Amino acid sequence: MRRIDLRTAVIVLILANLPTWTIIFFTVDRAKTAIDEEVAANFRAISGNNAATMNYAINNLVREVQTLAATSPVRDAIVAANASYPRSPEAVRRRIAAIERTWLEPQGEATVQRVLSNPASRFLRRFVNINPDFRRITVTDGYGGTVAANVKPIDFEQGDEPWWRQSFKDGVTGQVVIEDVRFDPLTRINVLHIVVPVVNDAPEEVIGVIGVAVDISDLFLLVTGTRIGATGNMSLAREDGTIIGGEVVDFPPARTGDSTEAESETSGHLVDPQLMEIPYFDDILSALRQPGQPDFIEATALGGARKMVGFRQLGLSSQYPQLRWISIVEQDHTETHIAVDTMNRHLLLAALGILVVTIGLAIYLSIHGKMEVTDIAEAKER
């Protein structure tokens, strides 16, 4: 008969439970990894879809402006204006400067009314009534003078504006120019300025330019108007981290009524930009600079809240250099991981329960001593 120290058996019991604990902790780790991968895949899909949506929407707006540039009233007004200038470049400059000096003065009112009442301007006002997102349209001739508009522009001469020079270019090729979104303090809306060259058929040459200020409030709602759970948001941001569209941005409402006062195509800026910056945007830029450009990170927001963040560059800047926008999708870590965190707590509580029972049994056996055990082989020999 041999005596077995049951405290040794308790140690063996604890060791026997190690595989169970190993499985539990492995399951916890795998569950977190799986949910991270799922959230990342979902956020990548959302940000990718938002990027595709914005690309389509912006290019569709450009096509609408190009269609407007090809209409007969617009082209006829430009052709007539170009033909009315003297042949001498110096005389052209003097004429434009003279009109510019009196454009906002009472003595220039006759010229203003002649521009705003011509067939092209009347056509533009009808167009804006049908397409209210097109807030301000200005048509210029080949010298930068205003030949038609739906509302009075603040300047007659547009040829000294960077957007005009970029769009007219050399008068042969021309190009579409889109200026970054701006807050217009006159109309109290955020606008995108789209500029398109007006091209003659034969000979093929740029004869003028048309610039349109488009209200993009509804456009941004396409990619920022849907919330994700209770804490998730979608937003659009510039490369400096300033949010230009999203749930966290409270843009001022558009002013009702038909504005007829002078308005500048490039006036204003976004409202309170310092209140609309993403606190973890440096982490996003750092990721974009890495090889392979990761598009999903875990970040820390103000107050220490952990965020799961997916992002995607829209790709518009390759065609429109000023539109360096990034689509961002973010949600609190506590919400994205609520299911797996609950399961992990239950598993860890089970592991803790096993440990407590094992320790309790060890204490009990250490108090109650030892037990004799009869070896079966020895019993047979006897």
Protein backbone atom coordinates (compact mmCIF):
# COMPACT_ATOMS: atom_id res chain seq x y z
CA MET A 1 0.00 0.00 0.00
CA ARG A 2 1.35 3.42 -1.01
CA ARG A 3 0.42 6.79 0.30
CA ILE A 4 -0.12 9.61 -2.22
CA ASP A 5 0.29 13.24 -1.16
CA LEU A 6 -2.98 14.75 -2.34
CA ARG A 7 -1.43 18.21 -2.37
CA THR A 8 0.65 16.90 -5.24
CA ALA A 9 -2.62 15.79 -6.83
CA VAL A 10 -3.93 19.35 -6.46
CA ILE A 11 -0.88 20.64 -8.30
CA VAL A 12 -1.58 18.10 -11.00
CA LEU A 13 -5.19 19.33 -11.05
CA ILE A 14 -4.05 22.90 -11.55
CA LEU A 15 -1.74 21.82 -14.34
CA ALA A 16 -4.61 19.88 -15.88
CA ASN A 17 -6.61 23.11 -16.05
CA LEU A 18 -3.87 24.96 -17.89
CA PRO A 19 -5.10 23.81 -21.35
CA THR A 20 -8.54 25.15 -20.47
CA TRP A 21 -7.11 28.54 -19.52
CA THR A 22 -4.90 28.52 -22.61
CA ILE A 23 -7.94 27.90 -24.80
CA ILE A 24 -9.86 30.67 -23.05
CA PHE A 25 -7.12 33.28 -23.48
CA PHE A 26 -6.50 32.15 -27.07
CA THR A 27 -10.23 32.50 -27.79
CA VAL A 28 -10.24 36.00 -26.27
CA ASP A 29 -7.29 37.05 -28.43
CA ARG A 30 -8.74 35.55 -31.60
CA ALA A 31 -12.14 37.13 -30.98
CA LYS A 32 -10.56 40.60 -30.70
CA THR A 33 -8.50 40.02 -33.84
CA ALA A 34 -11.59 38.83 -35.73
CA ILE A 35 -13.69 41.85 -34.74
CA ASP A 36 -10.80 44.20 -35.62
CA GLU A 37 -10.63 42.65 -39.07
CA GLU A 38 -14.40 42.83 -39.54
CA VAL A 39 -14.62 46.48 -38.46
CA ALA A 40 -11.67 47.36 -40.69
CA ALA A 41 -13.28 45.61 -43.68
CA ASN A 42 -16.61 47.36 -43.09
CA PHE A 43 -15.01 50.80 -42.68
CA ARG A 44 -12.86 50.27 -45.78
CA ALA A 45 -16.00 49.41 -47.75
CA ILE A 46 -17.84 52.51 -46.46
CA SER A 47 -14.95 54.93 -47.07
CA GLY A 48 -14.35 53.40 -50.52
CA ASN A 49 -18.02 53.77 -51.41
CA ASN A 50 -17.99 57.38 -50.18
CA ALA A 51 -14.94 58.12 -52.32
CA ALA A 52 -16.61 56.63 -55.40
CA THR A 53 -19.83 58.56 -54.68
CA MET A 54 -18.03 61.89 -54.36
CA ASN A 55 -15.99 61.28 -57.51
CA TYR A 56 -19.17 60.58 -59.46
CA ALA A 57 -20.99 63.58 -57.97
CA ILE A 58 -18.17 66.07 -58.64
CA ASN A 59 -17.59 64.83 -62.19
CA ASN A 60 -21.34 64.98 -62.81
CA LEU A 61 -21.38 68.63 -61.69
CA VAL A 62 -18.50 69.36 -64.08
CA ARG A 63 -20.46 67.76 -66.93
CA GLU A 64 -23.47 69.93 -66.10
CA VAL A 65 -21.35 73.08 -66.25
CA GLN A 66 -19.77 71.90 -69.51
CA THR A 67 -23.25 71.37 -70.94
CA LEU A 68 -24.19 74.87 -69.85
CA ALA A 69 -21.06 76.21 -71.54
CA ALA A 70 -22.13 74.60 -74.82
CA THR A 71 -25.58 76.26 -74.95
CA SER A 72 -26.31 78.76 -77.71
CA PRO A 73 -27.18 81.77 -75.47
CA VAL A 74 -23.86 81.51 -73.62
CA ARG A 75 -21.75 81.01 -76.73
CA ASP A 76 -23.55 83.73 -78.71
CA ALA A 77 -23.01 86.27 -75.92
CA ILE A 78 -19.28 85.50 -75.82
CA VAL A 79 -18.87 85.66 -79.60
CA ALA A 80 -20.66 89.01 -79.76
CA ALA A 81 -18.58 90.45 -76.90
CA ASN A 82 -15.29 89.29 -78.42
CA ALA A 83 -16.22 90.87 -81.74
CA SER A 84 -17.00 94.21 -80.10
CA TYR A 85 -13.46 94.83 -78.80
CA PRO A 86 -10.95 97.00 -80.68
CA ARG A 87 -8.03 95.24 -82.34
CA SER A 88 -5.32 96.89 -80.25
CA PRO A 89 -4.51 94.94 -77.03
CA GLU A 90 -3.79 98.24 -75.28
CA ALA A 91 -7.19 99.60 -76.31
CA VAL A 92 -8.83 96.41 -75.00
CA ARG A 93 -7.14 96.87 -71.61
CA ARG A 94 -8.21 100.52 -71.43
CA ARG A 95 -11.82 99.64 -72.24
CA ILE A 96 -12.00 96.89 -69.60
CA ALA A 97 -10.34 99.12 -67.00
CA ALA A 98 -12.82 101.92 -67.70
CA ILE A 99 -15.81 99.64 -67.22
CA GLU A 100 -14.25 98.17 -64.07
CA ARG A 101 -13.81 101.63 -62.51
CA THR A 102 -17.51 102.44 -62.80
CA TRP A 103 -18.95 98.92 -62.35
CA LEU A 104 -20.05 99.54 -58.76
CA GLU A 105 -20.74 103.25 -59.24
CA PRO A 106 -24.04 104.89 -60.28
CA GLN A 107 -22.54 105.94 -63.64
CA GLY A 108 -21.90 102.29 -64.45
CA GLU A 109 -25.49 101.16 -63.84
CA ALA A 110 -26.38 101.29 -67.53
CA THR A 111 -23.57 98.88 -68.38
CA VAL A 112 -24.58 96.58 -65.53
CA GLN A 113 -28.19 96.47 -66.67
CA ARG A 114 -27.14 95.82 -70.26
CA VAL A 115 -25.17 92.78 -69.11
CA LEU A 116 -27.82 91.46 -66.71
CA SER A 117 -30.72 91.93 -69.14
CA ASN A 118 -29.24 90.34 -72.26
CA PRO A 119 -30.59 86.97 -73.53
CA ALA A 120 -27.72 84.99 -71.99
CA SER A 121 -28.30 86.43 -68.49
CA ARG A 122 -32.04 85.81 -68.75
CA PHE A 123 -31.28 82.22 -69.79
CA LEU A 124 -28.97 81.80 -66.78
CA ARG A 125 -31.65 83.03 -64.36
CA ARG A 126 -34.14 80.54 -65.79
CA PHE A 127 -31.50 77.82 -65.46
CA VAL A 128 -30.86 78.70 -61.80
CA ASN A 129 -34.59 78.64 -61.05
CA ILE A 130 -34.66 75.05 -62.33
CA ASN A 131 -31.32 74.14 -60.71
CA PRO A 132 -31.25 76.05 -57.39
CA ASP A 133 -27.96 74.47 -56.29
CA PHE A 134 -26.30 76.56 -59.01
CA ARG A 135 -26.20 79.78 -57.01
CA ARG A 136 -24.08 82.16 -59.07
CA ILE A 137 -23.06 81.87 -62.72
CA THR A 138 -20.68 84.29 -64.41
CA VAL A 139 -19.78 84.15 -68.11
CA THR A 140 -16.77 86.04 -69.47
CA ASP A 141 -15.42 86.75 -72.91
CA GLY A 142 -11.93 85.94 -74.13
CA TYR A 143 -10.50 89.03 -72.40
CA GLY A 144 -11.98 88.38 -68.95
CA GLY A 145 -14.87 90.85 -69.17
CA THR A 146 -18.25 89.77 -67.79
CA VAL A 147 -20.78 89.22 -70.58
CA ALA A 148 -23.60 87.46 -68.67
CA ALA A 149 -24.55 86.53 -65.10
CA ASN A 150 -27.61 85.54 -63.14
CA VAL A 151 -26.74 88.07 -60.39
CA LYS A 152 -24.43 91.06 -60.44
CA PRO A 153 -20.81 90.02 -59.78
CA ILE A 154 -18.69 92.27 -57.62
CA ASP A 155 -16.23 92.86 -60.49
CA PHE A 156 -16.63 93.34 -64.21
CA GLU A 157 -13.14 92.11 -64.94
CA GLN A 158 -12.52 88.45 -64.12
CA GLY A 159 -9.35 88.10 -66.22
CA ASP A 160 -7.12 88.95 -63.25
CA GLU A 161 -8.53 86.09 -61.15
CA PRO A 162 -6.35 82.96 -60.79
CA TRP A 163 -9.28 80.68 -61.64
CA TRP A 164 -9.89 82.57 -64.90
CA ARG A 165 -6.24 82.45 -65.95
CA GLN A 166 -6.00 78.73 -65.15
CA SER A 167 -9.17 77.87 -67.07
CA PHE A 168 -8.57 80.10 -70.12
CA LYS A 169 -4.93 79.07 -70.05
CA ASP A 170 -3.33 79.80 -73.44
CA GLY A 171 -6.61 80.26 -75.26
CA VAL A 172 -6.07 77.00 -77.12
CA THR A 173 -6.26 74.09 -74.68
CA GLY A 174 -8.07 75.48 -71.65
CA GLN A 175 -8.91 73.33 -68.63
CA VAL A 176 -11.55 72.70 -65.99
CA VAL A 177 -10.70 74.32 -62.65
CA ILE A 178 -12.39 73.57 -59.33
CA GLU A 179 -11.57 75.72 -56.32
CA ASP A 180 -11.80 74.13 -52.89
CA VAL A 181 -15.05 74.45 -50.95
CA ARG A 182 -15.54 77.86 -49.31
CA PHE A 183 -18.07 79.45 -47.02
CA ASP A 184 -19.69 82.36 -48.82
CA PRO A 185 -20.66 84.99 -46.21
CA LEU A 186 -23.07 86.70 -48.64
CA THR A 187 -25.22 83.68 -49.41
CA ARG A 188 -24.43 81.98 -46.05
CA ILE A 189 -23.73 78.68 -47.78
CA ASN A 190 -20.71 76.54 -48.59
CA VAL A 191 -19.95 76.60 -52.29
CA LEU A 192 -17.71 74.84 -54.75
CA HIS A 193 -16.48 77.05 -57.59
CA ILE A 194 -16.38 75.16 -60.90
CA VAL A 195 -14.82 76.91 -63.89
CA VAL A 196 -15.04 75.58 -67.45
CA PRO A 197 -13.59 77.01 -70.67
CA VAL A 198 -16.08 77.77 -73.45
CA VAL A 199 -14.70 76.36 -76.68
CA ASN A 200 -15.49 77.38 -80.24
CA ASP A 201 -16.10 74.63 -82.81
CA ALA A 202 -14.27 75.97 -85.84
CA PRO A 203 -11.61 76.98 -85.40
CA GLU A 204 -11.28 75.03 -82.12
CA GLU A 205 -10.22 77.61 -79.57
CA VAL A 206 -11.17 78.90 -76.13
CA ILE A 207 -13.41 81.93 -76.61
CA GLY A 208 -14.44 82.53 -72.98
CA VAL A 209 -14.94 81.08 -69.54
CA ILE A 210 -17.96 80.19 -67.38
CA GLY A 211 -17.71 80.00 -63.59
CA VAL A 212 -20.40 78.49 -61.37
CA ALA A 213 -20.67 78.63 -57.57
CA VAL A 214 -22.49 75.45 -56.54
CA ASP A 215 -24.14 74.87 -53.18
CA ILE A 216 -22.63 71.55 -52.03
CA SER A 217 -24.56 71.15 -48.75
CA ASP A 218 -26.81 68.42 -50.16
CA LEU A 219 -23.90 66.90 -52.05
CA PHE A 220 -21.93 66.30 -48.86
CA LEU A 221 -24.96 64.68 -47.27
CA LEU A 222 -24.50 61.82 -49.74
CA VAL A 223 -21.44 60.69 -47.80
CA THR A 224 -21.93 62.21 -44.34
CA GLY A 225 -25.68 62.08 -43.75
CA THR A 226 -25.86 58.53 -42.37
CA ARG A 227 -24.87 57.76 -38.80
CA ILE A 228 -23.19 54.49 -37.85
CA GLY A 229 -24.67 53.22 -34.62
CA ALA A 230 -24.78 55.60 -31.68
CA THR A 231 -21.20 56.91 -31.86
CA GLY A 232 -20.16 56.50 -35.50
CA ASN A 233 -19.69 59.36 -37.95
CA MET A 234 -18.72 59.84 -41.56
CA SER A 235 -16.97 63.02 -42.64
CA LEU A 236 -14.95 64.66 -45.39
CA ALA A 237 -11.76 66.50 -44.53
CA ARG A 238 -9.04 68.42 -46.27
CA GLU A 239 -5.43 67.29 -46.00
CA ASP A 240 -4.89 69.86 -43.25
CA GLY A 241 -7.45 68.06 -41.08
CA THR A 242 -10.23 70.65 -41.45
CA ILE A 243 -13.64 69.02 -41.75
CA ILE A 244 -15.61 70.28 -44.73
CA GLY A 245 -18.62 68.01 -44.28
CA GLY A 246 -19.90 65.79 -41.49
CA GLU A 247 -22.24 65.32 -38.55
CA VAL A 248 -19.86 67.13 -36.23
CA VAL A 249 -19.98 70.28 -38.36
CA ASP A 250 -22.78 72.76 -37.81
CA PHE A 251 -22.70 74.91 -40.93
CA PRO A 252 -24.87 78.02 -40.82
CA PRO A 253 -28.17 77.71 -42.70
CA ALA A 254 -28.52 79.17 -46.15
CA ARG A 255 -30.22 82.56 -46.26
CA THR A 256 -33.62 82.39 -47.89
CA GLY A 257 -34.65 84.72 -50.66
CA ASP A 258 -33.21 85.66 -54.01
CA SER A 259 -29.95 87.52 -53.54
CA THR A 260 -29.31 90.27 -56.07
CA GLU A 261 -26.42 92.02 -54.34
CA ALA A 262 -22.86 91.90 -55.58
CA GLU A 263 -21.17 88.62 -54.82
CA SER A 264 -17.61 87.40 -55.18
CA GLU A 265 -16.94 83.98 -56.71
CA THR A 266 -14.05 83.32 -54.31
CA SER A 267 -15.13 85.13 -51.15
CA GLY A 268 -15.26 83.74 -47.66
CA HIS A 269 -13.88 80.71 -45.87
CA LEU A 270 -15.16 77.83 -43.82
CA VAL A 271 -16.82 78.75 -40.55
CA ASP A 272 -14.68 78.44 -37.40
CA PRO A 273 -12.10 76.09 -38.91
CA GLN A 274 -10.36 75.72 -35.55
CA LEU A 275 -13.51 74.04 -34.21
CA MET A 276 -13.67 71.56 -37.05
CA GLU A 277 -10.31 69.82 -36.92
CA ILE A 278 -9.92 66.09 -36.34
CA PRO A 279 -7.74 65.59 -33.24
CA TYR A 280 -6.18 62.36 -34.55
CA PHE A 281 -5.65 63.58 -38.10
CA ASP A 282 -1.86 63.42 -37.74
CA ASP A 283 -2.25 59.67 -37.20
CA ILE A 284 -4.18 59.43 -40.48
CA LEU A 285 -1.55 61.40 -42.40
CA SER A 286 1.20 59.29 -40.85
CA ALA A 287 -0.56 56.13 -42.03
CA LEU A 288 -0.99 57.54 -45.54
CA ARG A 289 2.75 58.20 -45.73
CA GLN A 290 3.65 54.61 -44.86
CA PRO A 291 4.44 52.02 -47.55
CA GLY A 292 1.21 50.49 -48.77
CA GLN A 293 -0.77 53.41 -47.31
CA PRO A 294 -2.78 51.68 -44.53
CA ASP A 295 -6.40 52.83 -44.52
CA PHE A 296 -7.48 51.78 -41.02
CA ILE A 297 -6.11 52.75 -37.59
CA GLU A 298 -6.95 52.82 -33.91
CA ALA A 299 -6.73 56.40 -32.68
CA THR A 300 -7.28 58.41 -29.51
CA ALA A 301 -9.75 61.29 -29.59
CA LEU A 302 -10.08 64.21 -27.19
CA GLY A 303 -10.78 62.99 -23.68
CA GLY A 304 -8.92 59.75 -24.29
CA ALA A 305 -11.72 57.90 -26.10
CA ARG A 306 -10.44 55.15 -28.38
CA LYS A 307 -11.65 55.35 -31.98
CA MET A 308 -11.70 52.86 -34.82
CA VAL A 309 -11.00 54.91 -37.95
CA GLY A 310 -11.19 54.04 -41.64
CA PHE A 311 -10.19 56.54 -44.32
CA ARG A 312 -9.67 56.88 -48.06
CA GLN A 313 -8.24 59.60 -50.27
CA LEU A 314 -10.88 60.52 -52.83
CA GLY A 315 -8.40 60.73 -55.70
CA LEU A 316 -9.92 63.92 -57.10
CA SER A 317 -6.65 65.83 -56.73
CA SER A 318 -5.10 64.05 -59.72
CA GLN A 319 -7.57 65.90 -61.93
CA TYR A 320 -8.50 68.86 -59.70
CA PRO A 321 -5.38 69.68 -57.61
CA GLN A 322 -7.22 71.79 -55.03
CA LEU A 323 -9.63 68.99 -54.05
CA ARG A 324 -7.32 67.06 -51.73
CA TRP A 325 -10.13 65.46 -49.77
CA ILE A 326 -10.19 62.42 -47.52
CA SER A 327 -13.26 60.35 -46.60
CA ILE A 328 -13.21 59.34 -42.93
CA VAL A 329 -15.35 56.80 -41.05
CA GLU A 330 -14.98 56.54 -37.27
CA GLN A 331 -16.72 54.91 -34.34
CA ASP A 332 -16.01 54.45 -30.64
CA HIS A 333 -14.04 51.31 -29.83
CA THR A 334 -16.49 50.50 -27.03
CA GLU A 335 -19.35 50.28 -29.53
CA THR A 336 -17.56 48.36 -32.27
CA HIS A 337 -16.29 45.79 -29.76
CA ILE A 338 -19.30 45.57 -27.43
CA ALA A 339 -20.21 42.00 -28.48
CA VAL A 340 -16.69 40.60 -28.27
CA ASP A 341 -15.98 42.51 -25.04
CA THR A 342 -19.08 40.93 -23.46
CA MET A 343 -18.01 37.46 -24.60
CA ASN A 344 -14.46 38.07 -23.37
CA ARG A 345 -15.72 39.11 -19.95
CA HIS A 346 -17.75 35.91 -19.68
CA LEU A 347 -14.78 33.77 -20.71
CA LEU A 348 -12.46 35.52 -18.29
CA LEU A 349 -15.01 35.13 -15.51
CA ALA A 350 -15.15 31.41 -16.32
CA ALA A 351 -11.36 31.19 -16.13
CA LEU A 352 -11.41 33.08 -12.84
CA GLY A 353 -14.10 30.71 -11.51
CA ILE A 354 -12.01 27.68 -12.38
CA LEU A 355 -9.00 29.25 -10.67
CA VAL A 356 -10.99 30.05 -7.51
CA VAL A 357 -12.43 26.51 -7.30
CA THR A 358 -9.00 24.99 -7.79
CA ILE A 359 -7.43 27.19 -5.13
CA GLY A 360 -10.33 26.44 -2.77
CA LEU A 361 -9.86 22.72 -3.29
CA ALA A 362 -6.14 23.07 -2.65
CA ILE A 363 -6.78 24.90 0.62
CA TYR A 364 -9.32 22.27 1.68
CA LEU A 365 -6.96 19.37 0.95
CA SER A 366 -4.03 21.04 2.67
CA ILE A 367 -6.14 21.40 5.82
CA HIS A 368 -7.52 17.81 5.84
CA GLY A 369 -4.19 16.04 5.45
CA LYS A 370 -3.54 12.91 3.38
CA MET A 371 -5.40 9.82 2.19
CA GLU A 372 -4.27 6.24 1.81
CA VAL A 373 -4.61 4.70 -1.60
CA THR A 374 -4.26 0.95 -2.26
CA ASP A 375 -2.19 0.04 -5.26
CA ILE A 376 -4.15 -2.63 -7.23
CA ALA A 377 -1.00 -4.45 -8.27
CA GLU A 378 0.22 -4.74 -4.68
CA ALA A 379 -3.19 -6.02 -3.54
CA LYS A 380 -3.09 -8.87 -6.09
CA GLU A 381 0.38 -9.92 -4.99
CA ARG A 382 -0.86 -10.33 -1.46
